Amino acid sequence: MGAVKQVALPEKVFALLERYRRKRRISRAAAIEELLKKELADEEFLRLLDEQAEQNRDLSEEEAMALANEAVAWARQKFRRSRKGR
């Protein structure tokens, strides 16, 4: 276990964190870690979407939607795998 760190949060943010933590029945550290992993996964997903959009500018709308659906499935699978490791 690491050293104890303190982080100052606005009351509103702390209340949201506590509500999330209680709902999930996990520690504050685990809640923050989970939320950060989610944020990183979202950023990676958006980066991949932008990358695919650049590569596939000439695709039809249906082909683009199929690729987007594949990307969503991949991101969800990646997030589920990261949650199973807890």
C-alpha atoms as a PDB file:
ATOM      1  CA  MET A   1       0.000   0.000   0.000  1.00  0.00           C
ATOM      2  CA  GLY A   2       1.264   3.454  -0.883  1.00  0.00           C
ATOM      3  CA  ALA A   3       1.698   6.526   1.234  1.00  0.00           C
ATOM      4  CA  VAL A   4      -1.360   8.473   2.321  1.00  0.00           C
ATOM      5  CA  LYS A   5      -2.064  11.438   0.054  1.00  0.00           C
ATOM      6  CA  GLN A   6      -4.574  14.198   0.548  1.00  0.00           C
ATOM      7  CA  VAL A   7      -6.544  15.820  -2.231  1.00  0.00           C
ATOM      8  CA  ALA A   8      -8.714  18.896  -1.716  1.00  0.00           C
ATOM      9  CA  LEU A   9     -12.035  18.594  -3.522  1.00  0.00           C
ATOM     10  CA  PRO A  10     -14.943  21.001  -3.737  1.00  0.00           C
ATOM     11  CA  GLU A  11     -17.926  19.837  -1.670  1.00  0.00           C
ATOM     12  CA  LYS A  12     -20.017  19.145  -4.769  1.00  0.00           C
ATOM     13  CA  VAL A  13     -17.322  16.922  -6.303  1.00  0.00           C
ATOM     14  CA  PHE A  14     -16.770  15.105  -3.007  1.00  0.00           C
ATOM     15  CA  ALA A  15     -20.513  14.477  -2.659  1.00  0.00           C
ATOM     16  CA  LEU A  16     -20.646  13.025  -6.175  1.00  0.00           C
ATOM     17  CA  LEU A  17     -17.623  10.835  -5.457  1.00  0.00           C
ATOM     18  CA  GLU A  18     -19.178   9.588  -2.216  1.00  0.00           C
ATOM     19  CA  ARG A  19     -22.476   8.798  -3.931  1.00  0.00           C
ATOM     20  CA  TYR A  20     -20.625   6.880  -6.665  1.00  0.00           C
ATOM     21  CA  ARG A  21     -18.461   5.065  -4.100  1.00  0.00           C
ATOM     22  CA  ARG A  22     -21.414   4.018  -1.933  1.00  0.00           C
ATOM     23  CA  LYS A  23     -23.412   2.870  -4.933  1.00  0.00           C
ATOM     24  CA  ARG A  24     -20.506   0.669  -6.054  1.00  0.00           C
ATOM     25  CA  ARG A  25     -19.593  -0.329  -2.454  1.00  0.00           C
ATOM     26  CA  ILE A  26     -15.905   0.343  -2.982  1.00  0.00           C
ATOM     27  CA  SER A  27     -13.226   2.450  -1.312  1.00  0.00           C
ATOM     28  CA  ARG A  28     -12.575   6.070  -2.263  1.00  0.00           C
ATOM     29  CA  ALA A  29      -9.261   5.100  -3.831  1.00  0.00           C
ATOM     30  CA  ALA A  30     -10.919   2.358  -5.888  1.00  0.00           C
ATOM     31  CA  ALA A  31     -13.675   4.762  -6.974  1.00  0.00           C
ATOM     32  CA  ILE A  32     -11.162   7.379  -8.108  1.00  0.00           C
ATOM     33  CA  GLU A  33      -9.096   4.729  -9.909  1.00  0.00           C
ATOM     34  CA  GLU A  34     -12.191   3.366 -11.650  1.00  0.00           C
ATOM     35  CA  LEU A  35     -13.292   6.822 -12.767  1.00  0.00           C
ATOM     36  CA  LEU A  36      -9.815   7.669 -14.043  1.00  0.00           C
ATOM     37  CA  LYS A  37      -9.647   4.415 -16.007  1.00  0.00           C
ATOM     38  CA  LYS A  38     -13.043   5.234 -17.500  1.00  0.00           C
ATOM     39  CA  GLU A  39     -11.819   8.690 -18.493  1.00  0.00           C
ATOM     40  CA  LEU A  40      -8.669   7.260 -20.087  1.00  0.00           C
ATOM     41  CA  ALA A  41     -10.755   4.695 -21.971  1.00  0.00           C
ATOM     42  CA  ASP A  42     -13.034   7.485 -23.225  1.00  0.00           C
ATOM     43  CA  GLU A  43     -10.035   9.518 -24.406  1.00  0.00           C
ATOM     44  CA  GLU A  44      -8.574   6.469 -26.165  1.00  0.00           C
ATOM     45  CA  PHE A  45     -11.937   5.764 -27.781  1.00  0.00           C
ATOM     46  CA  LEU A  46     -12.252   9.322 -29.087  1.00  0.00           C
ATOM     47  CA  ARG A  47      -8.674   9.230 -30.368  1.00  0.00           C
ATOM     48  CA  LEU A  48      -9.410   6.010 -32.240  1.00  0.00           C
ATOM     49  CA  LEU A  49     -12.605   7.465 -33.700  1.00  0.00           C
ATOM     50  CA  ASP A  50     -10.704  10.499 -34.976  1.00  0.00           C
ATOM     51  CA  GLU A  51      -8.005   8.248 -36.396  1.00  0.00           C
ATOM     52  CA  GLN A  52     -10.577   6.096 -38.155  1.00  0.00           C
ATOM     53  CA  ALA A  53     -12.394   9.141 -39.489  1.00  0.00           C
ATOM     54  CA  GLU A  54      -9.175  10.375 -41.061  1.00  0.00           C
ATOM     55  CA  GLN A  55      -8.504   6.980 -42.623  1.00  0.00           C
ATOM     56  CA  ASN A  56     -12.040   6.482 -43.892  1.00  0.00           C
ATOM     57  CA  ARG A  57     -13.186   9.837 -45.214  1.00  0.00           C
ATOM     58  CA  ASP A  58     -14.533   8.327 -48.420  1.00  0.00           C
ATOM     59  CA  LEU A  59     -16.714   5.638 -46.786  1.00  0.00           C
ATOM     60  CA  SER A  60     -20.479   5.617 -47.044  1.00  0.00           C
ATOM     61  CA  GLU A  61     -22.520   6.464 -43.959  1.00  0.00           C
ATOM     62  CA  GLU A  62     -23.423   2.788 -43.433  1.00  0.00           C
ATOM     63  CA  GLU A  63     -19.787   1.688 -43.611  1.00  0.00           C
ATOM     64  CA  ALA A  64     -18.801   4.450 -41.200  1.00  0.00           C
ATOM     65  CA  MET A  65     -21.511   3.378 -38.730  1.00  0.00           C
ATOM     66  CA  ALA A  66     -20.343  -0.235 -38.921  1.00  0.00           C
ATOM     67  CA  LEU A  67     -16.793   0.856 -38.091  1.00  0.00           C
ATOM     68  CA  ALA A  68     -18.051   3.035 -35.240  1.00  0.00           C
ATOM     69  CA  ASN A  69     -20.028   0.114 -33.826  1.00  0.00           C
ATOM     70  CA  GLU A  70     -16.908  -2.057 -33.954  1.00  0.00           C
ATOM     71  CA  ALA A  71     -14.963   0.626 -32.097  1.00  0.00           C
ATOM     72  CA  VAL A  72     -17.655   0.862 -29.411  1.00  0.00           C
ATOM     73  CA  ALA A  73     -17.654  -2.914 -28.957  1.00  0.00           C
ATOM     74  CA  TRP A  74     -13.856  -2.919 -28.698  1.00  0.00           C
ATOM     75  CA  ALA A  75     -13.847  -0.126 -26.100  1.00  0.00           C
ATOM     76  CA  ARG A  76     -16.543  -1.827 -24.018  1.00  0.00           C
ATOM     77  CA  GLN A  77     -14.669  -5.119 -24.118  1.00  0.00           C
ATOM     78  CA  LYS A  78     -11.454  -3.392 -23.059  1.00  0.00           C
ATOM     79  CA  PHE A  79     -13.234  -1.658 -20.159  1.00  0.00           C
ATOM     80  CA  ARG A  80     -14.890  -4.900 -19.025  1.00  0.00           C
ATOM     81  CA  ARG A  81     -11.519  -6.678 -19.034  1.00  0.00           C
ATOM     82  CA  SER A  82      -9.995  -3.918 -16.911  1.00  0.00           C
ATOM     83  CA  ARG A  83     -12.856  -4.204 -14.388  1.00  0.00           C
ATOM     84  CA  LYS A  84     -12.506  -8.004 -14.157  1.00  0.00           C
ATOM     85  CA  GLY A  85      -8.924  -7.558 -12.960  1.00  0.00           C
ATOM     86  CA  ARG A  86     -10.033  -5.898  -9.733  1.00  0.00           C
END
